[in-house]
Amino acid sequence: MIEVFTALLTPTVAILGVYIAVQQYRLANEKHRIEIYDRRMKIYVTVIELIRNAKRSLTIDEDTYYKFEEGIAEAEFLFGKEVVALLEDMSDVGFDILLARTDEGFQETPTKLNEANLRHADLIDIFLKFEPRVRDIFAPYLRLPIARIKKTKTYVQRIANTIPDETGEEDNIQF
């Protein structure tokens, strides 16, 4: 009888080891997906902040523009071509706004409308029209399937509950 249990122990441990390895693989994949999501969300927030700032102040200053440029630097590695193209268009218009602010005759608080201020206003209008496109184009990249998150949470809970605590008893952890 002891020989049978001894013979079954090795395959049982091997199967348990494979099960744990598969769960770790799944968790690592989910962790990677969440890290990518976080990096994408950071870029999205940078873009939305620039648009909101432009709405609020009706201009784009150098500091805000360069913060935007720095924030979107890794976008081409995290998004598809359509997002990268949109960000390049936004960057071009944003830079044109910066240039328009240096035009002769441009006034931060205009006393009368002139050509430089009208050009600046047109560029701001063009820039603000990017907002709905930003939401639409970024949306597919910023969705985390809830079912997969719940499934991963269940795996983590099962694994955590099989680990004995200091007293030797299995934990019953609730997430």
N, C-alpha and C. Protein backbone atom coordinates (compact mmCIF):
# COMPACT_ATOMS: atom_id res chain seq x y z
N MET A 1 0.82 -1.19 0.00
CA MET A 1 0.00 0.00 0.00
C MET A 1 0.87 1.26 0.00
N ILE A 2 1.88 1.29 0.84
CA ILE A 2 2.78 2.45 0.90
C ILE A 2 3.51 2.60 -0.42
N GLU A 3 3.83 1.48 -1.06
CA GLU A 3 4.53 1.54 -2.34
C GLU A 3 3.64 2.18 -3.41
N VAL A 4 2.35 1.94 -3.36
CA VAL A 4 1.41 2.54 -4.33
C VAL A 4 1.36 4.05 -4.12
N PHE A 5 1.23 4.49 -2.86
CA PHE A 5 1.20 5.93 -2.58
C PHE A 5 2.51 6.59 -2.96
N THR A 6 3.61 5.92 -2.71
CA THR A 6 4.91 6.45 -3.08
C THR A 6 5.02 6.58 -4.59
N ALA A 7 4.52 5.61 -5.30
CA ALA A 7 4.56 5.63 -6.77
C ALA A 7 3.66 6.74 -7.33
N LEU A 8 2.55 7.01 -6.69
CA LEU A 8 1.62 8.05 -7.15
C LEU A 8 2.08 9.46 -6.75
N LEU A 9 2.93 9.55 -5.76
CA LEU A 9 3.35 10.87 -5.26
C LEU A 9 4.12 11.65 -6.33
N THR A 10 5.04 11.04 -7.02
CA THR A 10 5.85 11.74 -8.02
C THR A 10 4.99 12.28 -9.16
N PRO A 11 4.11 11.50 -9.78
CA PRO A 11 3.27 12.08 -10.84
C PRO A 11 2.34 13.17 -10.31
N THR A 12 1.84 13.00 -9.09
CA THR A 12 0.96 14.02 -8.51
C THR A 12 1.70 15.34 -8.33
N VAL A 13 2.91 15.28 -7.83
CA VAL A 13 3.73 16.49 -7.66
C VAL A 13 4.03 17.10 -9.03
N ALA A 14 4.31 16.27 -10.01
CA ALA A 14 4.60 16.76 -11.36
C ALA A 14 3.38 17.47 -11.95
N ILE A 15 2.21 16.87 -11.79
CA ILE A 15 0.98 17.47 -12.32
C ILE A 15 0.71 18.81 -11.61
N LEU A 16 0.88 18.82 -10.30
CA LEU A 16 0.70 20.06 -9.54
C LEU A 16 1.69 21.13 -10.00
N GLY A 17 2.93 20.73 -10.26
CA GLY A 17 3.94 21.67 -10.75
C GLY A 17 3.56 22.24 -12.11
N VAL A 18 3.05 21.40 -13.00
CA VAL A 18 2.61 21.87 -14.32
C VAL A 18 1.43 22.83 -14.16
N TYR A 19 0.49 22.49 -13.31
CA TYR A 19 -0.67 23.35 -13.07
C TYR A 19 -0.23 24.73 -12.58
N ILE A 20 0.67 24.76 -11.62
CA ILE A 20 1.17 26.03 -11.09
C ILE A 20 1.90 26.81 -12.17
N ALA A 21 2.69 26.12 -12.98
CA ALA A 21 3.41 26.80 -14.07
C ALA A 21 2.44 27.42 -15.07
N VAL A 22 1.38 26.72 -15.41
CA VAL A 22 0.38 27.25 -16.35
C VAL A 22 -0.29 28.48 -15.74
N GLN A 23 -0.62 28.42 -14.46
CA GLN A 23 -1.25 29.56 -13.81
C GLN A 23 -0.31 30.76 -13.76
N GLN A 24 0.96 30.51 -13.49
CA GLN A 24 1.94 31.60 -13.48
C GLN A 24 2.08 32.21 -14.87
N TYR A 25 2.05 31.38 -15.89
CA TYR A 25 2.12 31.87 -17.27
C TYR A 25 0.92 32.78 -17.57
N ARG A 26 -0.27 32.33 -17.19
CA ARG A 26 -1.47 33.13 -17.42
C ARG A 26 -1.40 34.46 -16.66
N LEU A 27 -0.97 34.39 -15.43
CA LEU A 27 -0.85 35.62 -14.63
C LEU A 27 0.18 36.57 -15.22
N ALA A 28 1.29 36.04 -15.70
CA ALA A 28 2.31 36.88 -16.32
C ALA A 28 1.77 37.56 -17.58
N ASN A 29 0.99 36.81 -18.37
CA ASN A 29 0.37 37.40 -19.56
C ASN A 29 -0.58 38.52 -19.18
N GLU A 30 -1.40 38.31 -18.18
CA GLU A 30 -2.34 39.35 -17.74
C GLU A 30 -1.59 40.56 -17.19
N LYS A 31 -0.53 40.30 -16.45
CA LYS A 31 0.27 41.40 -15.91
C LYS A 31 0.85 42.23 -17.05
N HIS A 32 1.33 41.55 -18.08
CA HIS A 32 1.88 42.24 -19.24
C HIS A 32 0.81 43.08 -19.93
N ARG A 33 -0.38 42.51 -20.10
CA ARG A 33 -1.48 43.25 -20.73
C ARG A 33 -1.84 44.49 -19.92
N ILE A 34 -1.85 44.36 -18.61
CA ILE A 34 -2.20 45.50 -17.76
C ILE A 34 -1.10 46.56 -17.81
N GLU A 35 0.16 46.14 -17.87
CA GLU A 35 1.26 47.11 -18.00
C GLU A 35 1.16 47.88 -19.31
N ILE A 36 0.86 47.18 -20.40
CA ILE A 36 0.68 47.84 -21.70
C ILE A 36 -0.50 48.81 -21.62
N TYR A 37 -1.58 48.36 -21.01
CA TYR A 37 -2.75 49.22 -20.83
C TYR A 37 -2.37 50.50 -20.08
N ASP A 38 -1.62 50.36 -18.99
CA ASP A 38 -1.22 51.52 -18.19
C ASP A 38 -0.38 52.49 -19.02
N ARG A 39 0.53 51.97 -19.81
CA ARG A 39 1.38 52.83 -20.65
C ARG A 39 0.53 53.54 -21.71
N ARG A 40 -0.42 52.84 -22.29
CA ARG A 40 -1.31 53.45 -23.27
C ARG A 40 -2.18 54.52 -22.62
N MET A 41 -2.70 54.21 -21.44
CA MET A 41 -3.56 55.17 -20.75
C MET A 41 -2.78 56.44 -20.40
N LYS A 42 -1.53 56.30 -20.03
CA LYS A 42 -0.70 57.47 -19.72
C LYS A 42 -0.58 58.38 -20.94
N ILE A 43 -0.41 57.81 -22.11
CA ILE A 43 -0.32 58.59 -23.34
C ILE A 43 -1.67 59.25 -23.63
N TYR A 44 -2.73 58.50 -23.47
CA TYR A 44 -4.07 59.06 -23.70
C TYR A 44 -4.33 60.25 -22.77
N VAL A 45 -3.99 60.11 -21.51
CA VAL A 45 -4.19 61.20 -20.55
C VAL A 45 -3.36 62.42 -20.95
N THR A 46 -2.14 62.21 -21.42
CA THR A 46 -1.30 63.32 -21.88
C THR A 46 -1.97 64.06 -23.04
N VAL A 47 -2.54 63.32 -23.97
CA VAL A 47 -3.20 63.92 -25.12
C VAL A 47 -4.44 64.70 -24.68
N ILE A 48 -5.26 64.09 -23.83
CA ILE A 48 -6.48 64.76 -23.36
C ILE A 48 -6.13 66.00 -22.54
N GLU A 49 -5.08 65.95 -21.74
CA GLU A 49 -4.67 67.13 -20.97
C GLU A 49 -4.28 68.28 -21.89
N LEU A 50 -3.60 67.98 -22.98
CA LEU A 50 -3.22 69.03 -23.93
C LEU A 50 -4.47 69.65 -24.55
N ILE A 51 -5.42 68.81 -24.94
CA ILE A 51 -6.66 69.32 -25.54
C ILE A 51 -7.43 70.18 -24.53
N ARG A 52 -7.55 69.71 -23.30
CA ARG A 52 -8.27 70.47 -22.27
C ARG A 52 -7.57 71.79 -21.97
N ASN A 53 -6.25 71.75 -21.93
CA ASN A 53 -5.48 72.98 -21.70
C ASN A 53 -5.72 73.97 -22.84
N ALA A 54 -5.72 73.46 -24.06
CA ALA A 54 -5.96 74.33 -25.23
C ALA A 54 -7.37 74.90 -25.18
N LYS A 55 -8.34 74.11 -24.75
CA LYS A 55 -9.73 74.60 -24.61
C LYS A 55 -9.82 75.71 -23.58
N ARG A 56 -9.15 75.48 -22.46
CA ARG A 56 -9.23 76.40 -21.34
C ARG A 56 -8.54 77.73 -21.64
N SER A 57 -7.33 77.65 -22.21
CA SER A 57 -6.55 78.87 -22.41
C SER A 57 -6.60 79.40 -23.84
N LEU A 58 -7.22 78.64 -24.74
CA LEU A 58 -7.30 78.98 -26.16
C LEU A 58 -5.93 79.23 -26.79
N THR A 59 -4.96 78.51 -26.29
CA THR A 59 -3.63 78.52 -26.89
C THR A 59 -2.87 77.30 -26.37
N ILE A 60 -1.69 77.12 -26.90
CA ILE A 60 -0.78 76.08 -26.41
C ILE A 60 0.56 76.76 -26.16
N ASP A 61 1.03 76.66 -24.92
CA ASP A 61 2.33 77.26 -24.63
C ASP A 61 3.44 76.23 -24.82
N GLU A 62 4.67 76.70 -24.83
CA GLU A 62 5.81 75.81 -25.12
C GLU A 62 5.93 74.68 -24.11
N ASP A 63 5.80 74.99 -22.83
CA ASP A 63 5.95 73.95 -21.81
C ASP A 63 4.92 72.83 -22.00
N THR A 64 3.69 73.22 -22.24
CA THR A 64 2.62 72.23 -22.44
C THR A 64 2.87 71.40 -23.70
N TYR A 65 3.30 72.06 -24.75
CA TYR A 65 3.56 71.36 -26.01
C TYR A 65 4.69 70.35 -25.85
N TYR A 66 5.78 70.75 -25.21
CA TYR A 66 6.91 69.83 -25.07
C TYR A 66 6.62 68.72 -24.07
N LYS A 67 5.77 68.98 -23.11
CA LYS A 67 5.32 67.91 -22.21
C LYS A 67 4.51 66.88 -23.01
N PHE A 68 3.68 67.38 -23.92
CA PHE A 68 2.90 66.51 -24.81
C PHE A 68 3.85 65.67 -25.67
N GLU A 69 4.81 66.31 -26.29
CA GLU A 69 5.77 65.60 -27.15
C GLU A 69 6.51 64.51 -26.38
N GLU A 70 6.90 64.83 -25.18
CA GLU A 70 7.61 63.86 -24.33
C GLU A 70 6.67 62.71 -23.95
N GLY A 71 5.42 63.04 -23.67
CA GLY A 71 4.44 62.04 -23.25
C GLY A 71 4.06 61.06 -24.33
N ILE A 72 4.14 61.47 -25.60
CA ILE A 72 3.72 60.58 -26.69
C ILE A 72 4.90 59.88 -27.37
N ALA A 73 6.09 60.04 -26.82
CA ALA A 73 7.30 59.53 -27.47
C ALA A 73 7.24 58.03 -27.80
N GLU A 74 6.67 57.24 -26.92
CA GLU A 74 6.66 55.79 -27.16
C GLU A 74 5.37 55.30 -27.83
N ALA A 75 4.53 56.21 -28.29
CA ALA A 75 3.24 55.83 -28.88
C ALA A 75 3.38 54.89 -30.06
N GLU A 76 4.39 55.08 -30.89
CA GLU A 76 4.52 54.24 -32.08
C GLU A 76 4.79 52.78 -31.74
N PHE A 77 5.23 52.52 -30.51
CA PHE A 77 5.49 51.14 -30.09
C PHE A 77 4.29 50.50 -29.39
N LEU A 78 3.30 51.32 -29.05
CA LEU A 78 2.16 50.83 -28.27
C LEU A 78 0.84 50.87 -29.02
N PHE A 79 0.78 51.62 -30.10
CA PHE A 79 -0.46 51.80 -30.84
C PHE A 79 -0.27 51.48 -32.31
N GLY A 80 -1.40 51.39 -33.00
CA GLY A 80 -1.38 51.17 -34.44
C GLY A 80 -1.10 52.46 -35.20
N LYS A 81 -1.05 52.31 -36.51
CA LYS A 81 -0.71 53.44 -37.39
C LYS A 81 -1.69 54.59 -37.29
N GLU A 82 -2.97 54.29 -37.09
CA GLU A 82 -3.97 55.36 -37.06
C GLU A 82 -3.77 56.29 -35.86
N VAL A 83 -3.39 55.74 -34.71
CA VAL A 83 -3.14 56.57 -33.53
C VAL A 83 -1.88 57.39 -33.74
N VAL A 84 -0.84 56.75 -34.27
CA VAL A 84 0.42 57.46 -34.52
C VAL A 84 0.20 58.60 -35.51
N ALA A 85 -0.58 58.35 -36.57
CA ALA A 85 -0.86 59.41 -37.56
C ALA A 85 -1.63 60.56 -36.91
N LEU A 86 -2.61 60.24 -36.07
CA LEU A 86 -3.36 61.29 -35.38
C LEU A 86 -2.45 62.12 -34.48
N LEU A 87 -1.58 61.45 -33.73
CA LEU A 87 -0.68 62.18 -32.84
C LEU A 87 0.30 63.05 -33.63
N GLU A 88 0.75 62.58 -34.79
CA GLU A 88 1.62 63.40 -35.63
C GLU A 88 0.88 64.63 -36.14
N ASP A 89 -0.39 64.45 -36.54
CA ASP A 89 -1.19 65.59 -36.98
C ASP A 89 -1.37 66.60 -35.84
N MET A 90 -1.66 66.09 -34.65
CA MET A 90 -1.83 66.97 -33.50
C MET A 90 -0.54 67.71 -33.19
N SER A 91 0.56 67.00 -33.28
CA SER A 91 1.86 67.61 -33.02
C SER A 91 2.15 68.72 -34.02
N ASP A 92 1.84 68.46 -35.29
CA ASP A 92 2.08 69.47 -36.33
C ASP A 92 1.24 70.72 -36.09
N VAL A 93 -0.04 70.53 -35.80
CA VAL A 93 -0.91 71.69 -35.55
C VAL A 93 -0.48 72.40 -34.27
N GLY A 94 -0.12 71.64 -33.25
CA GLY A 94 0.37 72.25 -32.01
C GLY A 94 1.61 73.09 -32.24
N PHE A 95 2.51 72.59 -33.06
CA PHE A 95 3.73 73.35 -33.37
C PHE A 95 3.38 74.59 -34.18
N ASP A 96 2.42 74.47 -35.11
CA ASP A 96 1.98 75.64 -35.87
C ASP A 96 1.39 76.69 -34.94
N ILE A 97 0.70 76.26 -33.89
CA ILE A 97 0.16 77.21 -32.91
C ILE A 97 1.30 77.93 -32.21
N LEU A 98 2.33 77.17 -31.83
CA LEU A 98 3.51 77.81 -31.20
C LEU A 98 4.13 78.84 -32.15
N LEU A 99 4.25 78.47 -33.40
CA LEU A 99 4.82 79.41 -34.39
C LEU A 99 3.93 80.63 -34.57
N ALA A 100 2.62 80.42 -34.58
CA ALA A 100 1.68 81.54 -34.75
C ALA A 100 1.80 82.52 -33.60
N ARG A 101 2.15 82.03 -32.44
CA ARG A 101 2.31 82.91 -31.28
C ARG A 101 3.54 83.80 -31.41
N THR A 102 4.48 83.38 -32.28
CA THR A 102 5.69 84.20 -32.47
C THR A 102 5.56 85.14 -33.67
N ASP A 103 4.44 85.04 -34.39
CA ASP A 103 4.23 85.93 -35.55
C ASP A 103 4.21 87.39 -35.10
N GLU A 104 4.71 88.21 -35.99
CA GLU A 104 4.69 89.64 -35.73
C GLU A 104 3.24 90.10 -35.67
N GLY A 105 2.89 90.82 -34.68
CA GLY A 105 1.54 91.33 -34.52
C GLY A 105 0.66 90.48 -33.61
N PHE A 106 1.12 89.27 -33.25
CA PHE A 106 0.32 88.43 -32.37
C PHE A 106 0.29 89.04 -30.97
N GLN A 107 -0.88 89.08 -30.38
CA GLN A 107 -1.05 89.59 -29.02
C GLN A 107 -1.71 88.51 -28.16
N GLU A 108 -1.14 88.26 -26.98
CA GLU A 108 -1.72 87.26 -26.06
C GLU A 108 -3.15 87.65 -25.68
N THR A 109 -3.35 88.90 -25.36
CA THR A 109 -4.69 89.42 -25.08
C THR A 109 -4.95 90.52 -26.09
N PRO A 110 -5.49 90.15 -27.24
CA PRO A 110 -5.62 91.12 -28.33
C PRO A 110 -6.59 92.26 -28.00
N THR A 111 -6.18 93.44 -28.40
CA THR A 111 -7.06 94.61 -28.26
C THR A 111 -7.89 94.77 -29.52
N LYS A 112 -7.37 94.27 -30.64
CA LYS A 112 -8.13 94.25 -31.88
C LYS A 112 -7.67 93.03 -32.68
N LEU A 113 -8.56 92.55 -33.52
CA LEU A 113 -8.21 91.37 -34.31
C LEU A 113 -7.26 91.76 -35.44
N ASN A 114 -6.23 90.97 -35.59
CA ASN A 114 -5.31 91.17 -36.70
C ASN A 114 -5.06 89.82 -37.35
N GLU A 115 -4.29 89.80 -38.39
CA GLU A 115 -4.06 88.58 -39.16
C GLU A 115 -3.40 87.49 -38.31
N ALA A 116 -2.43 87.87 -37.49
CA ALA A 116 -1.72 86.90 -36.66
C ALA A 116 -2.66 86.23 -35.66
N ASN A 117 -3.52 87.03 -35.03
CA ASN A 117 -4.45 86.47 -34.05
C ASN A 117 -5.54 85.64 -34.73
N LEU A 118 -5.98 86.03 -35.91
CA LEU A 118 -6.95 85.23 -36.64
C LEU A 118 -6.37 83.88 -37.06
N ARG A 119 -5.11 83.88 -37.49
CA ARG A 119 -4.44 82.62 -37.85
C ARG A 119 -4.33 81.71 -36.63
N HIS A 120 -3.94 82.31 -35.50
CA HIS A 120 -3.84 81.57 -34.25
C HIS A 120 -5.21 80.98 -33.87
N ALA A 121 -6.26 81.75 -33.97
CA ALA A 121 -7.60 81.29 -33.62
C ALA A 121 -8.03 80.15 -34.55
N ASP A 122 -7.72 80.25 -35.83
CA ASP A 122 -8.05 79.18 -36.77
C ASP A 122 -7.32 77.89 -36.41
N LEU A 123 -6.06 78.01 -36.05
CA LEU A 123 -5.28 76.83 -35.67
C LEU A 123 -5.82 76.19 -34.38
N ILE A 124 -6.20 77.01 -33.42
CA ILE A 124 -6.79 76.48 -32.18
C ILE A 124 -8.10 75.76 -32.52
N ASP A 125 -8.90 76.33 -33.39
CA ASP A 125 -10.15 75.69 -33.80
C ASP A 125 -9.87 74.33 -34.43
N ILE A 126 -8.89 74.26 -35.31
CA ILE A 126 -8.50 72.99 -35.93
C ILE A 126 -8.03 72.00 -34.86
N PHE A 127 -7.24 72.48 -33.94
CA PHE A 127 -6.70 71.61 -32.90
C PHE A 127 -7.81 71.04 -32.02
N LEU A 128 -8.77 71.85 -31.64
CA LEU A 128 -9.84 71.39 -30.75
C LEU A 128 -10.75 70.36 -31.43
N LYS A 129 -10.76 70.34 -32.74
CA LYS A 129 -11.57 69.35 -33.46
C LYS A 129 -10.96 67.94 -33.40
N PHE A 130 -9.76 67.84 -32.87
CA PHE A 130 -9.13 66.51 -32.71
C PHE A 130 -9.79 65.70 -31.59
N GLU A 131 -10.42 66.37 -30.63
CA GLU A 131 -10.91 65.68 -29.44
C GLU A 131 -11.81 64.48 -29.73
N PRO A 132 -12.86 64.60 -30.54
CA PRO A 132 -13.68 63.41 -30.78
C PRO A 132 -12.92 62.29 -31.49
N ARG A 133 -12.02 62.66 -32.39
CA ARG A 133 -11.21 61.65 -33.08
C ARG A 133 -10.31 60.93 -32.09
N VAL A 134 -9.76 61.67 -31.14
CA VAL A 134 -8.88 61.06 -30.14
C VAL A 134 -9.65 59.99 -29.38
N ARG A 135 -10.82 60.32 -28.91
CA ARG A 135 -11.62 59.35 -28.15
C ARG A 135 -11.94 58.11 -28.99
N ASP A 136 -12.34 58.32 -30.23
CA ASP A 136 -12.72 57.19 -31.10
C ASP A 136 -11.53 56.30 -31.45
N ILE A 137 -10.41 56.92 -31.77
CA ILE A 137 -9.25 56.14 -32.23
C ILE A 137 -8.54 55.44 -31.08
N PHE A 138 -8.53 56.06 -29.90
CA PHE A 138 -7.87 55.44 -28.75
C PHE A 138 -8.72 54.35 -28.12
N ALA A 139 -10.04 54.43 -28.26
CA ALA A 139 -10.96 53.53 -27.54
C ALA A 139 -10.63 52.04 -27.66
N PRO A 140 -10.35 51.51 -28.86
CA PRO A 140 -10.07 50.06 -28.93
C PRO A 140 -8.82 49.64 -28.15
N TYR A 141 -7.90 50.57 -27.94
CA TYR A 141 -6.66 50.24 -27.24
C TYR A 141 -6.80 50.36 -25.72
N LEU A 142 -7.90 50.93 -25.27
CA LEU A 142 -8.04 51.21 -23.84
C LEU A 142 -9.15 50.41 -23.20
N ARG A 143 -9.41 49.24 -23.73
CA ARG A 143 -10.43 48.36 -23.16
C ARG A 143 -9.76 47.13 -22.56
N LEU A 144 -10.09 46.85 -21.33
CA LEU A 144 -9.65 45.60 -20.70
C LEU A 144 -10.89 44.73 -20.54
N PRO A 145 -10.88 43.53 -21.12
CA PRO A 145 -12.06 42.67 -20.99
C PRO A 145 -12.27 42.27 -19.54
N ILE A 146 -13.43 42.60 -19.02
CA ILE A 146 -13.75 42.33 -17.61
C ILE A 146 -13.76 40.83 -17.34
N ALA A 147 -14.25 40.03 -18.25
CA ALA A 147 -14.31 38.58 -18.03
C ALA A 147 -12.92 38.01 -17.79
N ARG A 148 -11.94 38.49 -18.54
CA ARG A 148 -10.57 37.98 -18.35
C ARG A 148 -10.02 38.41 -17.01
N ILE A 149 -10.35 39.61 -16.58
CA ILE A 149 -9.88 40.08 -15.28
C ILE A 149 -10.49 39.23 -14.17
N LYS A 150 -11.79 38.96 -14.26
CA LYS A 150 -12.45 38.14 -13.25
C LYS A 150 -11.87 36.73 -13.24
N LYS A 151 -11.59 36.19 -14.42
CA LYS A 151 -11.02 34.85 -14.52
C LYS A 151 -9.63 34.82 -13.88
N THR A 152 -8.82 35.84 -14.16
CA THR A 152 -7.49 35.92 -13.57
C THR A 152 -7.58 36.05 -12.06
N LYS A 153 -8.53 36.83 -11.59
CA LYS A 153 -8.72 37.01 -10.16
C LYS A 153 -9.07 35.67 -9.51
N THR A 154 -9.88 34.87 -10.19
CA THR A 154 -10.24 33.56 -9.67
C THR A 154 -9.01 32.66 -9.59
N TYR A 155 -8.16 32.69 -10.63
CA TYR A 155 -6.93 31.88 -10.60
C TYR A 155 -6.04 32.30 -9.44
N VAL A 156 -5.87 33.58 -9.27
CA VAL A 156 -5.02 34.07 -8.17
C VAL A 156 -5.59 33.64 -6.84
N GLN A 157 -6.90 33.74 -6.69
CA GLN A 157 -7.54 33.35 -5.44
C GLN A 157 -7.34 31.86 -5.17
N ARG A 158 -7.51 31.02 -6.19
CA ARG A 158 -7.32 29.59 -6.01
C ARG A 158 -5.90 29.26 -5.59
N ILE A 159 -4.95 29.88 -6.24
CA ILE A 159 -3.53 29.62 -5.92
C ILE A 159 -3.23 30.11 -4.51
N ALA A 160 -3.69 31.32 -4.20
CA ALA A 160 -3.42 31.88 -2.87
C ALA A 160 -4.04 31.03 -1.77
N ASN A 161 -5.19 30.46 -2.03
CA ASN A 161 -5.87 29.65 -1.01
C ASN A 161 -5.20 28.30 -0.79
N THR A 162 -4.35 27.87 -1.71
CA THR A 162 -3.67 26.59 -1.53
C THR A 162 -2.33 26.73 -0.81
N ILE A 163 -1.92 27.95 -0.56
CA ILE A 163 -0.64 28.18 0.12
C ILE A 163 -0.88 28.19 1.62
N PRO A 164 -0.22 27.30 2.36
CA PRO A 164 -0.42 27.26 3.81
C PRO A 164 0.17 28.50 4.48
N ASP A 165 -0.47 28.97 5.53
CA ASP A 165 0.08 30.10 6.28
C ASP A 165 1.06 29.58 7.32
N GLU A 166 1.47 30.45 8.25
CA GLU A 166 2.48 30.08 9.25
C GLU A 166 2.04 28.93 10.15
N THR A 167 0.73 28.78 10.35
CA THR A 167 0.23 27.72 11.23
C THR A 167 0.10 26.40 10.50
N GLY A 168 0.34 26.39 9.20
CA GLY A 168 0.23 25.16 8.42
C GLY A 168 -1.14 24.97 7.82
N GLU A 169 -2.09 25.91 8.11
CA GLU A 169 -3.43 25.80 7.56
C GLU A 169 -3.50 26.59 6.25
N GLU A 170 -4.37 26.11 5.37
CA GLU A 170 -4.54 26.83 4.11
C GLU A 170 -5.34 28.10 4.35
N ASP A 171 -4.94 29.17 3.67
CA ASP A 171 -5.64 30.45 3.78
C ASP A 171 -6.95 30.38 3.01
N ASN A 172 -7.89 31.16 3.43
CA ASN A 172 -9.14 31.33 2.67
C ASN A 172 -9.24 32.82 2.34
N ILE A 173 -8.50 33.23 1.33
CA ILE A 173 -8.40 34.63 0.98
C ILE A 173 -9.54 35.00 0.05
N GLN A 174 -10.21 36.09 0.34
CA GLN A 174 -11.28 36.61 -0.52
C GLN A 174 -10.80 37.90 -1.18
N PHE A 175 -11.01 38.00 -2.48
CA PHE A 175 -10.62 39.21 -3.22
C PHE A 175 -11.85 40.02 -3.54
